[in-house]
PDB file of N, CA and C in Angstrom:
ATOM      1  N   MET A   1      -2.686 -51.676  65.429  1.00  0.00           N
ATOM      2  CA  MET A   1      -2.059 -50.667  64.592  1.00  0.00           C
ATOM      3  C   MET A   1      -2.189 -49.305  65.263  1.00  0.00           C
ATOM      4  N   SER A   2      -1.161 -48.528  65.258  1.00  0.00           N
ATOM      5  CA  SER A   2      -1.132 -47.236  65.930  1.00  0.00           C
ATOM      6  C   SER A   2      -1.871 -46.176  65.124  1.00  0.00           C
ATOM      7  N   ASP A   3      -2.502 -45.225  65.856  1.00  0.00           N
ATOM      8  CA  ASP A   3      -3.166 -44.108  65.192  1.00  0.00           C
ATOM      9  C   ASP A   3      -2.150 -43.128  64.618  1.00  0.00           C
ATOM     10  N   GLN A   4      -0.944 -43.140  65.164  1.00  0.00           N
ATOM     11  CA  GLN A   4       0.107 -42.248  64.682  1.00  0.00           C
ATOM     12  C   GLN A   4       0.751 -42.841  63.439  1.00  0.00           C
ATOM     13  N   LEU A   5       0.745 -42.083  62.378  1.00  0.00           N
ATOM     14  CA  LEU A   5       1.428 -42.523  61.165  1.00  0.00           C
ATOM     15  C   LEU A   5       2.907 -42.196  61.281  1.00  0.00           C
ATOM     16  N   SER A   6       3.738 -43.064  60.743  1.00  0.00           N
ATOM     17  CA  SER A   6       5.163 -42.763  60.737  1.00  0.00           C
ATOM     18  C   SER A   6       5.397 -41.559  59.826  1.00  0.00           C
ATOM     19  N   VAL A   7       6.524 -40.907  60.015  1.00  0.00           N
ATOM     20  CA  VAL A   7       6.858 -39.742  59.204  1.00  0.00           C
ATOM     21  C   VAL A   7       6.863 -40.114  57.724  1.00  0.00           C
ATOM     22  N   ARG A   8       7.317 -41.323  57.382  1.00  0.00           N
ATOM     23  CA  ARG A   8       7.345 -41.765  55.977  1.00  0.00           C
ATOM     24  C   ARG A   8       5.961 -41.890  55.381  1.00  0.00           C
ATOM     25  N   GLU A   9       4.957 -42.215  56.199  1.00  0.00           N
ATOM     26  CA  GLU A   9       3.609 -42.449  55.696  1.00  0.00           C
ATOM     27  C   GLU A   9       2.714 -41.221  55.784  1.00  0.00           C
ATOM     28  N   ARG A  10       3.114 -40.226  56.548  1.00  0.00           N
ATOM     29  CA  ARG A  10       2.301 -39.039  56.760  1.00  0.00           C
ATOM     30  C   ARG A  10       2.206 -38.223  55.482  1.00  0.00           C
ATOM     31  N   ARG A  11       1.006 -37.857  55.115  1.00  0.00           N
ATOM     32  CA  ARG A  11       0.796 -37.060  53.907  1.00  0.00           C
ATOM     33  C   ARG A  11       0.778 -35.583  54.249  1.00  0.00           C
ATOM     34  N   GLN A  12       1.291 -34.786  53.322  1.00  0.00           N
ATOM     35  CA  GLN A  12       1.303 -33.338  53.484  1.00  0.00           C
ATOM     36  C   GLN A  12       0.592 -32.724  52.292  1.00  0.00           C
ATOM     37  N   TRP A  13      -0.163 -31.695  52.565  1.00  0.00           N
ATOM     38  CA  TRP A  13      -0.858 -30.958  51.526  1.00  0.00           C
ATOM     39  C   TRP A  13       0.157 -30.075  50.807  1.00  0.00           C
ATOM     40  N   VAL A  14       0.226 -30.181  49.486  1.00  0.00           N
ATOM     41  CA  VAL A  14       1.156 -29.391  48.687  1.00  0.00           C
ATOM     42  C   VAL A  14       0.399 -28.815  47.496  1.00  0.00           C
ATOM     43  N   VAL A  15       0.514 -27.507  47.318  1.00  0.00           N
ATOM     44  CA  VAL A  15      -0.037 -26.861  46.138  1.00  0.00           C
ATOM     45  C   VAL A  15       1.102 -26.747  45.129  1.00  0.00           C
ATOM     46  N   VAL A  16       0.871 -27.239  43.922  1.00  0.00           N
ATOM     47  CA  VAL A  16       1.889 -27.207  42.869  1.00  0.00           C
ATOM     48  C   VAL A  16       1.360 -26.331  41.739  1.00  0.00           C
ATOM     49  N   SER A  17       2.156 -25.337  41.361  1.00  0.00           N
ATOM     50  CA  SER A  17       1.757 -24.472  40.245  1.00  0.00           C
ATOM     51  C   SER A  17       2.892 -24.415  39.229  1.00  0.00           C
ATOM     52  N   TYR A  18       2.513 -24.096  38.000  1.00  0.00           N
ATOM     53  CA  TYR A  18       3.533 -24.038  36.960  1.00  0.00           C
ATOM     54  C   TYR A  18       3.184 -22.992  35.918  1.00  0.00           C
ATOM     55  N   ASP A  19       4.236 -22.476  35.291  1.00  0.00           N
ATOM     56  CA  ASP A  19       4.118 -21.560  34.163  1.00  0.00           C
ATOM     57  C   ASP A  19       5.165 -22.033  33.156  1.00  0.00           C
ATOM     58  N   ILE A  20       4.698 -22.673  32.089  1.00  0.00           N
ATOM     59  CA  ILE A  20       5.594 -23.282  31.117  1.00  0.00           C
ATOM     60  C   ILE A  20       5.183 -22.822  29.726  1.00  0.00           C
ATOM     61  N   PRO A  21       6.046 -22.083  29.041  1.00  0.00           N
ATOM     62  CA  PRO A  21       5.661 -21.513  27.746  1.00  0.00           C
ATOM     63  C   PRO A  21       5.538 -22.529  26.605  1.00  0.00           C
ATOM     64  N   ASP A  22       6.242 -23.643  26.683  1.00  0.00           N
ATOM     65  CA  ASP A  22       6.229 -24.622  25.604  1.00  0.00           C
ATOM     66  C   ASP A  22       5.054 -25.591  25.770  1.00  0.00           C
ATOM     67  N   ASP A  23       4.203 -25.693  24.752  1.00  0.00           N
ATOM     68  CA  ASP A  23       3.000 -26.529  24.833  1.00  0.00           C
ATOM     69  C   ASP A  23       3.314 -27.993  25.133  1.00  0.00           C
ATOM     70  N   LYS A  24       4.308 -28.546  24.461  1.00  0.00           N
ATOM     71  CA  LYS A  24       4.644 -29.959  24.629  1.00  0.00           C
ATOM     72  C   LYS A  24       5.135 -30.246  26.060  1.00  0.00           C
ATOM     73  N   ARG A  25       6.039 -29.414  26.557  1.00  0.00           N
ATOM     74  CA  ARG A  25       6.542 -29.597  27.929  1.00  0.00           C
ATOM     75  C   ARG A  25       5.433 -29.365  28.942  1.00  0.00           C
ATOM     76  N   ARG A  26       4.605 -28.341  28.687  1.00  0.00           N
ATOM     77  CA  ARG A  26       3.514 -28.042  29.618  1.00  0.00           C
ATOM     78  C   ARG A  26       2.562 -29.234  29.726  1.00  0.00           C
ATOM     79  N   THR A  27       2.253 -29.879  28.616  1.00  0.00           N
ATOM     80  CA  THR A  27       1.378 -31.045  28.632  1.00  0.00           C
ATOM     81  C   THR A  27       2.016 -32.192  29.408  1.00  0.00           C
ATOM     82  N   LYS A  28       3.313 -32.419  29.213  1.00  0.00           N
ATOM     83  CA  LYS A  28       4.012 -33.472  29.960  1.00  0.00           C
ATOM     84  C   LYS A  28       3.968 -33.194  31.460  1.00  0.00           C
ATOM     85  N   VAL A  29       4.249 -31.947  31.832  1.00  0.00           N
ATOM     86  CA  VAL A  29       4.242 -31.564  33.250  1.00  0.00           C
ATOM     87  C   VAL A  29       2.853 -31.765  33.835  1.00  0.00           C
ATOM     88  N   MET A  30       1.828 -31.319  33.125  1.00  0.00           N
ATOM     89  CA  MET A  30       0.456 -31.454  33.609  1.00  0.00           C
ATOM     90  C   MET A  30       0.112 -32.927  33.839  1.00  0.00           C
ATOM     91  N   LYS A  31       0.476 -33.784  32.912  1.00  0.00           N
ATOM     92  CA  LYS A  31       0.160 -35.205  33.047  1.00  0.00           C
ATOM     93  C   LYS A  31       0.891 -35.835  34.230  1.00  0.00           C
ATOM     94  N   ILE A  32       2.131 -35.439  34.440  1.00  0.00           N
ATOM     95  CA  ILE A  32       2.884 -35.971  35.586  1.00  0.00           C
ATOM     96  C   ILE A  32       2.226 -35.549  36.884  1.00  0.00           C
ATOM     97  N   ILE A  33       1.938 -34.261  37.036  1.00  0.00           N
ATOM     98  CA  ILE A  33       1.343 -33.771  38.283  1.00  0.00           C
ATOM     99  C   ILE A  33      -0.043 -34.369  38.495  1.00  0.00           C
ATOM    100  N   ALA A  34      -0.801 -34.548  37.427  1.00  0.00           N
ATOM    101  CA  ALA A  34      -2.151 -35.119  37.537  1.00  0.00           C
ATOM    102  C   ALA A  34      -2.116 -36.517  38.149  1.00  0.00           C
ATOM    103  N   GLY A  35      -1.006 -37.205  38.014  1.00  0.00           N
ATOM    104  CA  GLY A  35      -0.869 -38.519  38.617  1.00  0.00           C
ATOM    105  C   GLY A  35      -0.676 -38.473  40.131  1.00  0.00           C
ATOM    106  N   TYR A  36      -0.481 -37.286  40.675  1.00  0.00           N
ATOM    107  CA  TYR A  36      -0.213 -37.123  42.098  1.00  0.00           C
ATOM    108  C   TYR A  36      -1.277 -36.293  42.826  1.00  0.00           C
ATOM    109  N   GLY A  37      -2.116 -35.611  42.075  1.00  0.00           N
ATOM    110  CA  GLY A  37      -3.095 -34.746  42.727  1.00  0.00           C
ATOM    111  C   GLY A  37      -4.219 -34.383  41.781  1.00  0.00           C
ATOM    112  N   ARG A  38      -4.996 -33.376  42.183  1.00  0.00           N
ATOM    113  CA  ARG A  38      -6.141 -32.944  41.391  1.00  0.00           C
ATOM    114  C   ARG A  38      -5.990 -31.499  40.992  1.00  0.00           C
ATOM    115  N   ARG A  39      -6.404 -31.226  39.777  1.00  0.00           N
ATOM    116  CA  ARG A  39      -6.309 -29.867  39.251  1.00  0.00           C
ATOM    117  C   ARG A  39      -7.293 -28.973  39.999  1.00  0.00           C
ATOM    118  N   ALA A  40      -6.781 -27.838  40.489  1.00  0.00           N
ATOM    119  CA  ALA A  40      -7.628 -26.840  41.155  1.00  0.00           C
ATOM    120  C   ALA A  40      -7.938 -25.699  40.186  1.00  0.00           C
ATOM    121  N   GLN A  41      -6.961 -25.335  39.395  1.00  0.00           N
ATOM    122  CA  GLN A  41      -7.107 -24.328  38.346  1.00  0.00           C
ATOM    123  C   GLN A  41      -6.240 -24.783  37.186  1.00  0.00           C
ATOM    124  N   TYR A  42      -6.233 -24.031  36.104  1.00  0.00           N
ATOM    125  CA  TYR A  42      -5.558 -24.484  34.896  1.00  0.00           C
ATOM    126  C   TYR A  42      -4.119 -24.936  35.160  1.00  0.00           C
ATOM    127  N   SER A  43      -3.345 -24.161  35.869  1.00  0.00           N
ATOM    128  CA  SER A  43      -1.947 -24.538  36.113  1.00  0.00           C
ATOM    129  C   SER A  43      -1.648 -24.691  37.601  1.00  0.00           C
ATOM    130  N   VAL A  44      -2.651 -25.105  38.368  1.00  0.00           N
ATOM    131  CA  VAL A  44      -2.502 -25.284  39.810  1.00  0.00           C
ATOM    132  C   VAL A  44      -3.118 -26.625  40.211  1.00  0.00           C
ATOM    133  N   PHE A  45      -2.335 -27.410  40.944  1.00  0.00           N
ATOM    134  CA  PHE A  45      -2.811 -28.697  41.444  1.00  0.00           C
ATOM    135  C   PHE A  45      -2.734 -28.727  42.957  1.00  0.00           C
ATOM    136  N   GLU A  46      -3.660 -29.446  43.571  1.00  0.00           N
ATOM    137  CA  GLU A  46      -3.648 -29.695  45.006  1.00  0.00           C
ATOM    138  C   GLU A  46      -3.322 -31.173  45.194  1.00  0.00           C
ATOM    139  N   CYS A  47      -2.297 -31.434  46.002  1.00  0.00           N
ATOM    140  CA  CYS A  47      -1.831 -32.805  46.187  1.00  0.00           C
ATOM    141  C   CYS A  47      -1.669 -33.098  47.669  1.00  0.00           C
ATOM    142  N   GLU A  48      -1.982 -34.309  48.074  1.00  0.00           N
ATOM    143  CA  GLU A  48      -1.646 -34.795  49.406  1.00  0.00           C
ATOM    144  C   GLU A  48      -0.612 -35.882  49.205  1.00  0.00           C
ATOM    145  N   LEU A  49       0.604 -35.606  49.639  1.00  0.00           N
ATOM    146  CA  LEU A  49       1.732 -36.461  49.283  1.00  0.00           C
ATOM    147  C   LEU A  49       2.517 -36.924  50.500  1.00  0.00           C
ATOM    148  N   ARG A  50       2.973 -38.157  50.429  1.00  0.00           N
ATOM    149  CA  ARG A  50       3.966 -38.630  51.398  1.00  0.00           C
ATOM    150  C   ARG A  50       5.305 -38.036  50.973  1.00  0.00           C
ATOM    151  N   PRO A  51       6.251 -37.898  51.882  1.00  0.00           N
ATOM    152  CA  PRO A  51       7.557 -37.332  51.513  1.00  0.00           C
ATOM    153  C   PRO A  51       8.205 -38.042  50.328  1.00  0.00           C
ATOM    154  N   THR A  52       8.102 -39.353  50.263  1.00  0.00           N
ATOM    155  CA  THR A  52       8.702 -40.081  49.137  1.00  0.00           C
ATOM    156  C   THR A  52       7.997 -39.754  47.822  1.00  0.00           C
ATOM    157  N   ASP A  53       6.669 -39.552  47.876  1.00  0.00           N
ATOM    158  CA  ASP A  53       5.924 -39.194  46.663  1.00  0.00           C
ATOM    159  C   ASP A  53       6.321 -37.803  46.178  1.00  0.00           C
ATOM    160  N   LEU A  54       6.515 -36.875  47.109  1.00  0.00           N
ATOM    161  CA  LEU A  54       6.919 -35.516  46.738  1.00  0.00           C
ATOM    162  C   LEU A  54       8.294 -35.530  46.073  1.00  0.00           C
ATOM    163  N   ARG A  55       9.230 -36.273  46.639  1.00  0.00           N
ATOM    164  CA  ARG A  55      10.566 -36.379  46.028  1.00  0.00           C
ATOM    165  C   ARG A  55      10.481 -37.000  44.640  1.00  0.00           C
ATOM    166  N   GLN A  56       9.682 -38.040  44.508  1.00  0.00           N
ATOM    167  CA  GLN A  56       9.521 -38.697  43.209  1.00  0.00           C
ATOM    168  C   GLN A  56       8.897 -37.743  42.189  1.00  0.00           C
ATOM    169  N   LEU A  57       7.879 -37.013  42.591  1.00  0.00           N
ATOM    170  CA  LEU A  57       7.244 -36.039  41.705  1.00  0.00           C
ATOM    171  C   LEU A  57       8.256 -34.999  41.244  1.00  0.00           C
ATOM    172  N   GLN A  58       9.023 -34.451  42.173  1.00  0.00           N
ATOM    173  CA  GLN A  58      10.006 -33.431  41.825  1.00  0.00           C
ATOM    174  C   GLN A  58      11.086 -33.984  40.900  1.00  0.00           C
ATOM    175  N   GLU A  59      11.529 -35.218  41.124  1.00  0.00           N
ATOM    176  CA  GLU A  59      12.533 -35.832  40.252  1.00  0.00           C
ATOM    177  C   GLU A  59      11.990 -36.026  38.842  1.00  0.00           C
ATOM    178  N   ARG A  60      10.755 -36.487  38.738  1.00  0.00           N
ATOM    179  CA  ARG A  60      10.153 -36.694  37.417  1.00  0.00           C
ATOM    180  C   ARG A  60      10.007 -35.371  36.678  1.00  0.00           C
ATOM    181  N   LEU A  61       9.608 -34.327  37.393  1.00  0.00           N
ATOM    182  CA  LEU A  61       9.446 -33.024  36.758  1.00  0.00           C
ATOM    183  C   LEU A  61      10.786 -32.424  36.366  1.00  0.00           C
ATOM    184  N   ARG A  62      11.787 -32.598  37.213  1.00  0.00           N
ATOM    185  CA  ARG A  62      13.126 -32.070  36.933  1.00  0.00           C
ATOM    186  C   ARG A  62      13.662 -32.630  35.611  1.00  0.00           C
ATOM    187  N   ALA A  63      13.292 -33.852  35.295  1.00  0.00           N
ATOM    188  CA  ALA A  63      13.761 -34.487  34.060  1.00  0.00           C
ATOM    189  C   ALA A  63      13.067 -33.928  32.813  1.00  0.00           C
ATOM    190  N   VAL A  64      11.954 -33.224  32.995  1.00  0.00           N
ATOM    191  CA  VAL A  64      11.154 -32.739  31.861  1.00  0.00           C
ATOM    192  C   VAL A  64      11.321 -31.242  31.609  1.00  0.00           C
ATOM    193  N   ILE A  65      11.477 -30.470  32.666  1.00  0.00           N
ATOM    194  CA  ILE A  65      11.441 -29.014  32.507  1.00  0.00           C
ATOM    195  C   ILE A  65      12.738 -28.444  31.954  1.00  0.00           C
ATOM    196  N   ASP A  66      12.621 -27.233  31.464  1.00  0.00           N
ATOM    197  CA  ASP A  66      13.771 -26.449  30.998  1.00  0.00           C
ATOM    198  C   ASP A  66      14.002 -25.370  32.055  1.00  0.00           C
ATOM    199  N   ASP A  67      15.103 -25.481  32.775  1.00  0.00           N
ATOM    200  CA  ASP A  67      15.395 -24.549  33.880  1.00  0.00           C
ATOM    201  C   ASP A  67      15.483 -23.097  33.455  1.00  0.00           C
ATOM    202  N   THR A  68      15.759 -22.852  32.194  1.00  0.00           N
ATOM    203  CA  THR A  68      15.908 -21.465  31.742  1.00  0.00           C
ATOM    204  C   THR A  68      14.589 -20.810  31.350  1.00  0.00           C
ATOM    205  N   HIS A  69      13.533 -21.609  31.142  1.00  0.00           N
ATOM    206  CA  HIS A  69      12.263 -21.044  30.689  1.00  0.00           C
ATOM    207  C   HIS A  69      11.064 -21.373  31.577  1.00  0.00           C
ATOM    208  N   ASP A  70      11.114 -22.482  32.296  1.00  0.00           N
ATOM    209  CA  ASP A  70       9.949 -22.973  33.028  1.00  0.00           C
ATOM    210  C   ASP A  70       9.979 -22.553  34.494  1.00  0.00           C
ATOM    211  N   ASP A  71       8.787 -22.436  35.073  1.00  0.00           N
ATOM    212  CA  ASP A  71       8.630 -22.013  36.459  1.00  0.00           C
ATOM    213  C   ASP A  71       7.676 -22.984  37.144  1.00  0.00           C
ATOM    214  N   LEU A  72       8.197 -23.772  38.094  1.00  0.00           N
ATOM    215  CA  LEU A  72       7.372 -24.662  38.910  1.00  0.00           C
ATOM    216  C   LEU A  72       7.522 -24.242  40.356  1.00  0.00           C
ATOM    217  N   ARG A  73       6.413 -24.314  41.091  1.00  0.00           N
ATOM    218  CA  ARG A  73       6.432 -23.931  42.503  1.00  0.00           C
ATOM    219  C   ARG A  73       5.685 -24.966  43.333  1.00  0.00           C
ATOM    220  N   PHE A  74       6.251 -25.279  44.491  1.00  0.00           N
ATOM    221  CA  PHE A  74       5.653 -26.229  45.432  1.00  0.00           C
ATOM    222  C   PHE A  74       5.421 -25.483  46.738  1.00  0.00           C
ATOM    223  N   TYR A  75       4.170 -25.401  47.152  1.00  0.00           N
ATOM    224  CA  TYR A  75       3.823 -24.707  48.389  1.00  0.00           C
ATOM    225  C   TYR A  75       3.289 -25.727  49.389  1.00  0.00           C
ATOM    226  N   PRO A  76       4.127 -26.167  50.338  1.00  0.00           N
ATOM    227  CA  PRO A  76       3.637 -27.103  51.348  1.00  0.00           C
ATOM    228  C   PRO A  76       2.791 -26.362  52.389  1.00  0.00           C
ATOM    229  N   LEU A  77       1.706 -26.986  52.793  1.00  0.00           N
ATOM    230  CA  LEU A  77       0.830 -26.402  53.809  1.00  0.00           C
ATOM    231  C   LEU A  77       0.673 -27.384  54.959  1.00  0.00           C
ATOM    232  N   CYS A  78       0.793 -26.889  56.174  1.00  0.00           N
ATOM    233  CA  CYS A  78       0.561 -27.735  57.338  1.00  0.00           C
ATOM    234  C   CYS A  78      -0.960 -27.907  57.506  1.00  0.00           C
ATOM    235  N   HIS A  79      -1.354 -28.871  58.322  1.00  0.00           N
ATOM    236  CA  HIS A  79      -2.786 -29.127  58.507  1.00  0.00           C
ATOM    237  C   HIS A  79      -3.510 -27.935  59.122  1.00  0.00           C
ATOM    238  N   GLU A  80      -2.823 -27.189  59.989  1.00  0.00           N
ATOM    239  CA  GLU A  80      -3.439 -25.999  60.576  1.00  0.00           C
ATOM    240  C   GLU A  80      -3.673 -24.926  59.508  1.00  0.00           C
ATOM    241  N   CYS A  81      -2.705 -24.771  58.601  1.00  0.00           N
ATOM    242  CA  CYS A  81      -2.848 -23.800  57.512  1.00  0.00           C
ATOM    243  C   CYS A  81      -3.963 -24.222  56.559  1.00  0.00           C
ATOM    244  N   LEU A  82      -4.037 -25.511  56.279  1.00  0.00           N
ATOM    245  CA  LEU A  82      -5.075 -26.014  55.395  1.00  0.00           C
ATOM    246  C   LEU A  82      -6.458 -25.739  55.971  1.00  0.00           C
ATOM    247  N   ALA A  83      -6.591 -25.899  57.290  1.00  0.00           N
ATOM    248  CA  ALA A  83      -7.880 -25.643  57.934  1.00  0.00           C
ATOM    249  C   ALA A  83      -8.283 -24.174  57.814  1.00  0.00           C
ATOM    250  N   LYS A  84      -7.305 -23.292  57.621  1.00  0.00           N
ATOM    251  CA  LYS A  84      -7.580 -21.862  57.504  1.00  0.00           C
ATOM    252  C   LYS A  84      -7.789 -21.418  56.061  1.00  0.00           C
ATOM    253  N   ALA A  85      -7.643 -22.334  55.113  1.00  0.00           N
ATOM    254  CA  ALA A  85      -7.788 -21.978  53.699  1.00  0.00           C
ATOM    255  C   ALA A  85      -9.210 -21.509  53.417  1.00  0.00           C
ATOM    256  N   THR A  86      -9.310 -20.472  52.628  1.00  0.00           N
ATOM    257  CA  THR A  86     -10.604 -19.930  52.220  1.00  0.00           C
ATOM    258  C   THR A  86     -10.756 -20.140  50.728  1.00  0.00           C
ATOM    259  N   VAL A  87     -11.875 -20.680  50.337  1.00  0.00           N
ATOM    260  CA  VAL A  87     -12.182 -20.828  48.923  1.00  0.00           C
ATOM    261  C   VAL A  87     -13.474 -20.076  48.647  1.00  0.00           C
ATOM    262  N   MET A  88     -13.592 -19.549  47.449  1.00  0.00           N
ATOM    263  CA  MET A  88     -14.765 -18.743  47.101  1.00  0.00           C
ATOM    264  C   MET A  88     -15.333 -19.218  45.770  1.00  0.00           C
ATOM    265  N   GLY A  89     -16.569 -18.878  45.522  1.00  0.00           N
ATOM    266  CA  GLY A  89     -17.195 -19.256  44.263  1.00  0.00           C
ATOM    267  C   GLY A  89     -17.366 -20.760  44.185  1.00  0.00           C
ATOM    268  N   LYS A  90     -17.085 -21.332  43.041  1.00  0.00           N
ATOM    269  CA  LYS A  90     -17.269 -22.773  42.848  1.00  0.00           C
ATOM    270  C   LYS A  90     -16.085 -23.600  43.341  1.00  0.00           C
ATOM    271  N   ALA A  91     -15.083 -22.949  43.906  1.00  0.00           N
ATOM    272  CA  ALA A  91     -13.870 -23.634  44.357  1.00  0.00           C
ATOM    273  C   ALA A  91     -14.163 -24.590  45.507  1.00  0.00           C
ATOM    274  N   ILE A  92     -13.492 -25.746  45.469  1.00  0.00           N
ATOM    275  CA  ILE A  92     -13.535 -26.700  46.576  1.00  0.00           C
ATOM    276  C   ILE A  92     -12.126 -27.243  46.786  1.00  0.00           C
ATOM    277  N   LEU A  93     -11.823 -27.605  48.024  1.00  0.00           N
ATOM    278  CA  LEU A  93     -10.543 -28.247  48.308  1.00  0.00           C
ATOM    279  C   LEU A  93     -10.697 -29.731  48.024  1.00  0.00           C
ATOM    280  N   HIS A  94      -9.772 -30.303  47.299  1.00  0.00           N
ATOM    281  CA  HIS A  94      -9.839 -31.704  46.905  1.00  0.00           C
ATOM    282  C   HIS A  94      -9.031 -32.550  47.872  1.00  0.00           C
ATOM    283  N   ARG A  95      -9.605 -32.844  49.019  1.00  0.00           N
ATOM    284  CA  ARG A  95      -8.918 -33.676  50.005  1.00  0.00           C
ATOM    285  C   ARG A  95      -9.020 -35.130  49.619  1.00  0.00           C
ATOM    286  N   GLN A  96      -7.922 -35.842  49.801  1.00  0.00           N
ATOM    287  CA  GLN A  96      -7.929 -37.272  49.553  1.00  0.00           C
ATOM    288  C   GLN A  96      -8.649 -37.936  50.710  1.00  0.00           C
ATOM    289  N   ARG A  97      -9.480 -38.876  50.402  1.00  0.00           N
ATOM    290  CA  ARG A  97     -10.223 -39.582  51.446  1.00  0.00           C
ATOM    291  C   ARG A  97      -9.335 -40.618  52.103  1.00  0.00           C
ATOM    292  N   ASP A  98      -9.487 -40.740  53.425  1.00  0.00           N
ATOM    293  CA  ASP A  98      -8.781 -41.795  54.133  1.00  0.00           C
ATOM    294  C   ASP A  98      -9.426 -43.116  53.771  1.00  0.00           C
ATOM    295  N   TYR A  99      -8.620 -44.147  53.681  1.00  0.00           N
ATOM    296  CA  TYR A  99      -9.131 -45.460  53.356  1.00  0.00           C
ATOM    297  C   TYR A  99      -9.324 -46.270  54.623  1.00  0.00           C
ATOM    298  N   GLU A 100     -10.342 -47.079  54.606  1.00  0.00           N
ATOM    299  CA  GLU A 100     -10.640 -47.925  55.756  1.00  0.00           C
ATOM    300  C   GLU A 100     -10.662 -49.362  55.283  1.00  0.00           C
ATOM    301  N   VAL A 101      -9.921 -50.198  55.949  1.00  0.00           N
ATOM    302  CA  VAL A 101      -9.887 -51.613  55.606  1.00  0.00           C
ATOM    303  C   VAL A 101     -10.952 -52.314  56.422  1.00  0.00           C
ATOM    304  N   VAL A 102     -11.812 -53.051  55.726  1.00  0.00           N
ATOM    305  CA  VAL A 102     -12.885 -53.788  56.435  1.00  0.00           C
ATOM    306  C   VAL A 102     -12.751 -55.263  56.234  1.00  0.00           C
TER     307      VAL A 102
END
């Protein structure tokens, strides 16, 4: 097996944030994103996603949000940018662990 992952399998770090005024929609959005990453702050999630997972996440969210009132943002970070991230206080980066088959 090659050490190089195909583009389809390569994960990218994505920060997802949202500002949704409606409680019911906000809860739905939070639950959807929680299935793809870990909460970093109240309305901010850190996710490591394959391109297909990112598209699926965005499609699921698009079906729930109200374009006239809701604000969702996806900030992709390259591995070099992630290495430069600074966290302070009790903050930690929630990196997904690589799996090893034994």
